[in-house]
Amino acid sequence: MGSRFRDPRLLFALASVTIAVTVALGFACSTRATMGAMRLPPPPPPEAQAPGPVTFVVEPGAAPDAIADALRNAGIITDARRFQLLVGLTGSGREIRAGCYVFGAGTPAADVLRRLRGGITASQLLAIPEGKRLEEVGATLERAGISTSDQWETALASAPVANLPSPPPAGASLLGYLLPASYPLLCKSSADQMVSAMIDAFSAQVTPTVIAAARARGLNLHQLLTLASIVEREAVLKEEQPVIASVFLNRLADRVPLQADPTVQFAVAQANPPRPGGTWWKTDLTETDLRISSPYNTYRNAGLPPGPIANPGIGAITAVANAARTDYYYFVAKGDGSHAFSRTLAEHNANVARYQRP
């Protein structure tokens, strides 16, 4: 993933907590055999089902018939009568447990009942990965059934920025200020609640000590997050983050362009957003990509880009604030997740020849 560094006097050349919920589904053979002998009505056509994951609440003391109707109305099951027959067959009406559940649309009635009887509620944590754009975080929430993309955008626009150590500069987004972590997935969680939780977590972990350490290196909070987001995207191994941070700090001090590939990836996606399901991070950058006209292109522009390119984790943030003291100016990916670091362009070219050329 290493950046394609080159002597700035020469022409540029190319070198270089989603949430996962798995539920084991299955029933006893005797139950399947009994069900197979019954003649239950066929389910309605697929178009009657609701799309995506559905949050479903079973209130204490709710009657099975009412639960069946609510499940059908939510699009979780396709036939309320089928569910009622199954409850009667198994005698499990009193065993359904109250709680907050997340189901897929059109889930088989037997699977729904098994989870309701076992109290297999929604996962307790939602993982927000490090190094993601706001759009990618929004997609994670949408997959978890928490919010739509429009609700996510609205929540970002009304976020409690006053709770941050210092707000983003005028005109800047919250990118970089939402701390990646695993968050409790509460029943009926909303985009507003998630944004507030991520801001609160950021404010708790990006302490005055961290901010002071960054300031000692000449970085305000926004600059700290900007550089940390680049380090987050560059580093594969967490232990290399302080060293990679030192490379960029050395280049900044000498007014040498950072030449960081992730900033070009960000610029390319800003100019040409991917189609639904596509990646925001183009891996095979071309010479044309490296020449893209954008303030985020650190091959064309010296210094830091205008703001973060992703949400850095607390590890990358502290790695910049407490970067290693080195005289490295270059690094190149070795192909195993690690990087080879060098002090001079000649050393760097030798590492490129060794690790990246067939």
Protein backbone atom coordinates (compact mmCIF):
# COMPACT_ATOMS: atom_id res chain seq x y z
CA MET A 1 0.00 0.00 0.00
CA GLY A 2 3.04 2.25 0.23
CA SER A 3 3.15 5.57 -1.54
CA ARG A 4 5.10 5.94 -4.73
CA PHE A 5 7.72 8.41 -3.57
CA ARG A 6 10.08 10.07 -5.99
CA ASP A 7 12.46 12.99 -6.04
CA PRO A 8 10.20 16.11 -6.18
CA ARG A 9 12.62 17.68 -8.73
CA LEU A 10 11.84 14.93 -11.23
CA LEU A 11 8.69 14.09 -13.17
CA PHE A 12 6.30 11.92 -11.23
CA ALA A 13 6.41 8.17 -12.06
CA LEU A 14 4.29 5.28 -10.85
CA ALA A 15 6.00 3.06 -8.26
CA SER A 16 4.61 1.86 -5.37
CA VAL A 17 -17.09 -3.17 13.33
CA THR A 18 -19.26 -3.77 9.62
CA ILE A 19 -21.40 -5.57 11.63
CA ALA A 20 -21.25 -9.31 11.01
CA VAL A 21 -24.09 -11.30 12.51
CA THR A 22 -24.10 -15.06 11.85
CA VAL A 23 -26.92 -17.16 13.20
CA ALA A 24 -26.89 -20.93 12.89
CA LEU A 25 -30.30 -21.94 11.68
CA GLY A 26 -31.83 -25.39 11.99
CA PHE A 27 -34.46 -27.52 13.69
CA ALA A 28 -34.89 -31.00 15.06
CA CYS A 29 -35.71 -33.68 12.52
CA SER A 30 -38.92 -34.53 14.36
CA THR A 31 -40.16 -30.97 14.01
CA ARG A 32 -39.34 -30.91 10.29
CA ALA A 33 -41.07 -34.23 9.81
CA THR A 34 -44.20 -33.07 11.59
CA MET A 35 -44.26 -29.81 9.66
CA GLY A 36 -43.78 -31.69 6.41
CA ALA A 37 -46.92 -33.67 7.12
CA MET A 38 -49.02 -30.53 7.54
CA ARG A 39 -50.56 -28.75 4.62
CA LEU A 40 -49.78 -25.11 5.24
CA PRO A 41 -50.77 -22.39 2.79
CA PRO A 42 -48.05 -21.27 0.37
CA PRO A 43 -46.29 -17.96 1.13
CA PRO A 44 -47.27 -14.80 -0.72
CA PRO A 45 -45.15 -13.71 -3.70
CA PRO A 46 -41.72 -12.09 -3.02
CA GLU A 47 -42.93 -8.60 -3.91
CA ALA A 48 -44.95 -8.55 -0.66
CA GLN A 49 -41.76 -8.74 1.40
CA ALA A 50 -39.97 -5.70 2.84
CA PRO A 51 -36.36 -5.12 1.71
CA GLY A 52 -33.30 -5.30 3.92
CA PRO A 53 -32.86 -6.08 7.63
CA VAL A 54 -35.82 -5.27 9.87
CA THR A 55 -35.69 -4.36 13.55
CA PHE A 56 -38.52 -6.02 15.44
CA VAL A 57 -39.53 -5.51 19.08
CA VAL A 58 -41.43 -8.07 21.12
CA GLU A 59 -43.02 -6.34 24.06
CA PRO A 60 -43.40 -8.22 27.37
CA GLY A 61 -46.68 -10.13 27.48
CA ALA A 62 -47.41 -9.79 23.75
CA ALA A 63 -49.87 -12.39 22.46
CA PRO A 64 -48.62 -14.83 19.78
CA ASP A 65 -51.39 -13.82 17.38
CA ALA A 66 -50.43 -10.16 17.71
CA ILE A 67 -46.77 -11.05 17.22
CA ALA A 68 -47.64 -13.03 14.10
CA ASP A 69 -49.57 -10.11 12.60
CA ALA A 70 -46.78 -7.66 13.43
CA LEU A 71 -44.17 -9.96 11.89
CA ARG A 72 -46.24 -10.19 8.70
CA ASN A 73 -46.84 -6.43 8.56
CA ALA A 74 -43.10 -5.83 8.93
CA GLY A 75 -42.37 -8.16 6.02
CA ILE A 76 -40.33 -10.52 8.20
CA ILE A 77 -42.57 -13.51 7.63
CA THR A 78 -44.75 -14.04 4.60
CA ASP A 79 -47.80 -15.58 6.26
CA ALA A 80 -49.12 -14.86 9.75
CA ARG A 81 -51.38 -17.95 9.74
CA ARG A 82 -48.42 -20.19 9.00
CA PHE A 83 -46.58 -18.74 12.00
CA GLN A 84 -49.66 -19.16 14.24
CA LEU A 85 -50.02 -22.80 13.22
CA LEU A 86 -46.38 -23.41 14.02
CA VAL A 87 -46.73 -21.81 17.45
CA GLY A 88 -49.76 -23.99 18.14
CA LEU A 89 -48.03 -27.12 16.89
CA THR A 90 -44.99 -26.63 19.12
CA GLY A 91 -46.90 -25.22 22.09
CA SER A 92 -44.36 -22.43 22.33
CA GLY A 93 -46.65 -19.44 22.77
CA ARG A 94 -45.51 -18.93 26.36
CA GLU A 95 -41.83 -19.37 25.45
CA ILE A 96 -41.51 -16.34 23.16
CA ARG A 97 -39.14 -13.89 24.80
CA ALA A 98 -39.46 -10.13 24.79
CA GLY A 99 -36.58 -8.21 23.25
CA CYS A 100 -35.18 -6.42 20.22
CA TYR A 101 -34.53 -8.61 17.18
CA VAL A 102 -33.18 -8.03 13.69
CA PHE A 103 -34.52 -10.27 10.93
CA GLY A 104 -34.09 -10.45 7.20
CA ALA A 105 -37.14 -9.97 5.01
CA GLY A 106 -39.06 -13.13 4.29
CA THR A 107 -37.40 -15.21 7.02
CA PRO A 108 -38.95 -18.70 7.33
CA ALA A 109 -41.51 -18.83 10.14
CA ALA A 110 -39.69 -21.72 11.82
CA ASP A 111 -36.46 -19.74 11.94
CA VAL A 112 -38.23 -16.71 13.40
CA LEU A 113 -39.90 -18.78 16.09
CA ARG A 114 -36.64 -20.51 17.02
CA ARG A 115 -34.97 -17.15 17.61
CA LEU A 116 -37.93 -15.76 19.52
CA ARG A 117 -38.01 -18.82 21.78
CA GLY A 118 -34.26 -18.71 22.32
CA GLY A 119 -34.12 -14.97 22.90
CA ILE A 120 -31.56 -14.63 20.08
CA THR A 121 -31.80 -10.87 19.91
CA ALA A 122 -29.88 -8.36 17.86
CA SER A 123 -26.10 -8.38 18.11
CA GLN A 124 -24.85 -6.28 20.97
CA LEU A 125 -22.15 -4.44 19.01
CA LEU A 126 -21.90 -2.70 15.66
CA ALA A 127 -18.35 -2.46 14.32
CA ILE A 128 -17.42 0.76 12.54
CA PRO A 129 -14.14 -0.05 10.73
CA GLU A 130 -11.16 2.27 10.70
CA GLY A 131 -10.10 4.14 7.58
CA LYS A 132 -13.55 4.55 6.03
CA ARG A 133 -15.25 7.51 4.38
CA LEU A 134 -18.52 8.93 5.70
CA GLU A 135 -20.35 7.26 2.84
CA GLU A 136 -18.94 3.90 3.86
CA VAL A 137 -19.96 4.38 7.49
CA GLY A 138 -23.45 5.28 6.31
CA ALA A 139 -23.57 2.08 4.26
CA THR A 140 -22.60 0.07 7.35
CA LEU A 141 -25.51 1.59 9.27
CA GLU A 142 -27.86 0.92 6.38
CA ARG A 143 -26.83 -2.75 6.23
CA ALA A 144 -27.46 -2.98 9.98
CA GLY A 145 -30.98 -1.63 9.49
CA ILE A 146 -30.27 1.50 11.53
CA SER A 147 -30.76 4.23 8.96
CA THR A 148 -31.05 5.10 5.32
CA SER A 149 -28.44 7.15 3.46
CA ASP A 150 -30.70 10.21 3.67
CA GLN A 151 -31.13 9.79 7.42
CA TRP A 152 -27.36 9.47 7.77
CA GLU A 153 -26.78 12.70 5.86
CA THR A 154 -29.37 14.49 7.98
CA ALA A 155 -27.74 13.23 11.17
CA LEU A 156 -24.33 14.46 10.03
CA ALA A 157 -25.75 17.89 9.23
CA SER A 158 -27.26 18.21 12.72
CA ALA A 159 -24.41 16.58 14.67
CA PRO A 160 -23.53 17.95 18.14
CA VAL A 161 -20.15 19.37 17.07
CA ALA A 162 -20.02 21.41 20.27
CA ASN A 163 -19.16 18.15 22.05
CA LEU A 164 -15.88 17.86 20.13
CA PRO A 165 -12.60 19.16 21.60
CA SER A 166 -12.75 21.74 18.81
CA PRO A 167 -15.17 21.79 15.86
CA PRO A 168 -14.07 21.18 12.27
CA PRO A 169 -13.10 24.30 10.32
CA ALA A 170 -15.88 26.18 8.58
CA GLY A 171 -17.07 24.27 5.54
CA ALA A 172 -15.41 21.01 6.61
CA SER A 173 -17.37 17.80 7.16
CA LEU A 174 -17.20 15.47 10.14
CA LEU A 175 -14.87 13.14 8.27
CA GLY A 176 -12.06 12.28 10.66
CA TYR A 177 -14.06 13.27 13.75
CA LEU A 178 -16.19 10.12 14.05
CA LEU A 179 -14.16 7.57 15.97
CA PRO A 180 -14.17 4.03 14.55
CA ALA A 181 -14.99 1.49 17.24
CA SER A 182 -17.57 -1.13 18.20
CA TYR A 183 -20.75 0.48 19.46
CA PRO A 184 -23.72 -1.04 21.29
CA LEU A 185 -26.52 -1.70 18.83
CA LEU A 186 -29.48 -0.56 20.86
CA CYS A 187 -33.03 -1.37 19.96
CA LYS A 188 -34.40 1.27 17.62
CA SER A 189 -30.97 2.89 17.28
CA SER A 190 -30.92 5.82 14.91
CA ALA A 191 -28.40 7.66 12.79
CA ASP A 192 -28.54 10.59 15.23
CA GLN A 193 -27.69 8.31 18.14
CA MET A 194 -24.79 6.75 16.25
CA VAL A 195 -23.30 10.12 15.28
CA SER A 196 -23.56 11.33 18.87
CA ALA A 197 -21.98 8.13 20.18
CA MET A 198 -19.06 8.40 17.74
CA ILE A 199 -18.48 12.04 18.63
CA ASP A 200 -18.60 11.25 22.35
CA ALA A 201 -16.12 8.38 21.89
CA PHE A 202 -13.83 10.67 19.91
CA SER A 203 -13.91 13.34 22.62
CA ALA A 204 -13.20 10.76 25.32
CA GLN A 205 -10.17 9.23 23.57
CA VAL A 206 -8.63 12.20 21.76
CA THR A 207 -7.57 13.71 25.05
CA PRO A 208 -5.92 17.07 25.76
CA THR A 209 -2.66 15.13 26.18
CA VAL A 210 -2.91 13.75 22.64
CA ILE A 211 -3.81 17.16 21.25
CA ALA A 212 -0.92 18.78 23.12
CA ALA A 213 1.53 16.20 21.75
CA ALA A 214 0.34 16.95 18.22
CA ARG A 215 0.59 20.67 18.82
CA ALA A 216 4.22 20.18 19.87
CA ARG A 217 4.81 18.83 16.35
CA GLY A 218 3.15 21.86 14.80
CA LEU A 219 -0.23 20.22 14.14
CA ASN A 220 -3.61 21.49 15.26
CA LEU A 221 -6.45 19.01 15.76
CA HIS A 222 -7.68 19.17 12.16
CA GLN A 223 -4.17 18.70 10.81
CA LEU A 224 -3.58 15.84 13.25
CA LEU A 225 -6.67 14.05 11.97
CA THR A 226 -5.77 14.77 8.36
CA LEU A 227 -2.35 13.17 8.67
CA ALA A 228 -3.70 10.35 10.85
CA SER A 229 -6.23 9.47 8.16
CA ILE A 230 -3.42 9.13 5.62
CA VAL A 231 -1.39 6.98 8.01
CA GLU A 232 -4.49 4.85 8.65
CA ARG A 233 -4.92 4.16 4.94
CA GLU A 234 -1.19 3.57 4.34
CA ALA A 235 -0.36 1.28 7.24
CA VAL A 236 -1.30 -2.38 7.21
CA LEU A 237 0.61 -3.27 10.36
CA LYS A 238 -0.36 -1.18 13.38
CA GLU A 239 3.19 -1.26 14.70
CA GLU A 240 4.39 0.58 11.59
CA GLN A 241 2.04 3.52 12.06
CA PRO A 242 4.47 5.65 14.15
CA VAL A 243 7.24 5.07 11.57
CA ILE A 244 5.03 5.89 8.60
CA ALA A 245 3.89 9.00 10.47
CA SER A 246 7.55 10.00 10.88
CA VAL A 247 8.12 9.76 7.12
CA PHE A 248 5.29 12.16 6.41
CA LEU A 249 6.30 14.54 9.19
CA ASN A 250 9.86 14.63 7.82
CA ARG A 251 8.56 15.44 4.35
CA LEU A 252 6.25 18.12 5.70
CA ALA A 253 9.11 19.73 7.60
CA ASP A 254 11.22 19.90 4.43
CA ARG A 255 8.28 20.98 2.23
CA VAL A 256 8.54 17.79 0.20
CA PRO A 257 5.21 16.59 -1.27
CA LEU A 258 3.77 13.69 0.71
CA GLN A 259 3.09 11.67 -2.46
CA ALA A 260 0.58 9.49 -0.61
CA ASP A 261 -1.52 7.20 -2.79
CA PRO A 262 -4.60 7.26 -0.50
CA THR A 263 -5.00 10.99 -1.06
CA VAL A 264 -5.14 10.38 -4.81
CA GLN A 265 -7.64 7.58 -4.26
CA PHE A 266 -9.77 10.04 -2.31
CA ALA A 267 -9.48 12.68 -5.02
CA VAL A 268 -10.41 10.20 -7.76
CA ALA A 269 -13.51 9.08 -5.85
CA GLN A 270 -14.50 12.69 -5.19
CA ALA A 271 -14.38 13.40 -8.92
CA ASN A 272 -16.01 10.11 -9.95
CA PRO A 273 -18.06 8.52 -7.15
CA PRO A 274 -18.41 4.76 -7.57
CA ARG A 275 -21.63 3.09 -8.51
CA PRO A 276 -23.60 1.35 -5.74
CA GLY A 277 -21.57 -1.57 -4.51
CA GLY A 278 -18.34 -0.20 -6.01
CA THR A 279 -15.19 0.73 -4.12
CA TRP A 280 -14.29 4.22 -2.97
CA TRP A 281 -10.59 3.28 -2.99
CA LYS A 282 -9.20 2.59 -6.45
CA THR A 283 -6.24 0.25 -6.10
CA ASP A 284 -4.53 0.49 -9.48
CA LEU A 285 -3.76 4.17 -9.85
CA THR A 286 -2.62 5.35 -13.26
CA GLU A 287 -0.37 8.21 -14.30
CA THR A 288 -3.55 10.10 -15.22
CA ASP A 289 -4.87 9.54 -11.69
CA LEU A 290 -1.63 10.87 -10.20
CA ARG A 291 -2.05 14.07 -12.22
CA ILE A 292 -5.66 14.68 -11.18
CA SER A 293 -6.31 18.31 -10.35
CA SER A 294 -7.44 18.29 -6.73
CA PRO A 295 -6.29 19.90 -3.49
CA TYR A 296 -6.24 16.35 -2.11
CA ASN A 297 -3.63 15.20 -4.63
CA THR A 298 -0.43 15.17 -2.59
CA TYR A 299 1.61 14.34 -5.68
CA ARG A 300 0.81 17.75 -7.17
CA ASN A 301 0.50 19.75 -3.96
CA ALA A 302 2.96 20.11 -1.11
CA GLY A 303 1.72 20.04 2.47
CA LEU A 304 -1.36 18.44 3.91
CA PRO A 305 -4.63 18.14 1.98
CA PRO A 306 -7.55 20.31 3.15
CA GLY A 307 -8.85 17.69 5.56
CA PRO A 308 -9.02 14.02 6.51
CA ILE A 309 -9.61 11.44 3.78
CA ALA A 310 -11.10 8.86 6.17
CA ASN A 311 -11.94 8.30 9.81
CA PRO A 312 -8.68 7.32 11.53
CA GLY A 313 -8.68 5.02 14.52
CA ILE A 314 -7.27 6.14 17.85
CA GLY A 315 -4.11 4.12 17.09
CA ALA A 316 -3.31 6.16 14.00
CA ILE A 317 -4.16 9.41 15.79
CA THR A 318 -1.78 8.69 18.65
CA ALA A 319 0.82 7.37 16.19
CA VAL A 320 0.98 10.81 14.57
CA ALA A 321 0.91 12.68 17.87
CA ASN A 322 3.72 10.46 19.18
CA ALA A 323 5.46 9.62 15.92
CA ALA A 324 8.82 7.86 15.90
CA ARG A 325 11.96 9.97 15.49
CA THR A 326 13.54 8.83 12.22
CA ASP A 327 15.36 10.26 9.23
CA TYR A 328 13.26 8.26 6.76
CA TYR A 329 11.78 9.99 3.72
CA TYR A 330 10.51 7.00 1.75
CA PHE A 331 8.78 3.65 2.16
CA VAL A 332 7.60 0.95 -0.19
CA ALA A 333 5.31 -2.04 0.36
CA LYS A 334 7.12 -5.36 0.63
CA GLY A 335 4.11 -7.43 -0.34
CA ASP A 336 3.52 -9.01 3.05
CA GLY A 337 1.83 -6.05 4.73
CA SER A 338 5.09 -4.53 5.94
CA HIS A 339 7.13 -1.73 4.37
CA ALA A 340 10.78 -1.10 3.61
CA PHE A 341 11.87 2.34 4.81
CA SER A 342 14.75 4.37 3.40
CA ARG A 343 16.55 7.65 3.89
CA THR A 344 17.59 8.48 0.35
CA LEU A 345 16.05 8.23 -3.10
CA ALA A 346 18.78 5.78 -4.14
CA GLU A 347 17.91 3.48 -1.23
CA HIS A 348 14.24 3.81 -2.07
CA ASN A 349 14.78 2.92 -5.73
CA ALA A 350 16.73 -0.14 -4.66
CA ASN A 351 13.84 -1.20 -2.41
CA VAL A 352 11.35 -0.66 -5.23
CA ALA A 353 13.47 -2.85 -7.51
CA ARG A 354 13.67 -5.50 -4.83
CA TYR A 355 10.07 -5.65 -3.68
CA GLN A 356 7.84 -4.38 -6.47
CA ARG A 357 9.40 -5.24 -9.81
CA PRO A 358 9.10 -8.78 -11.24
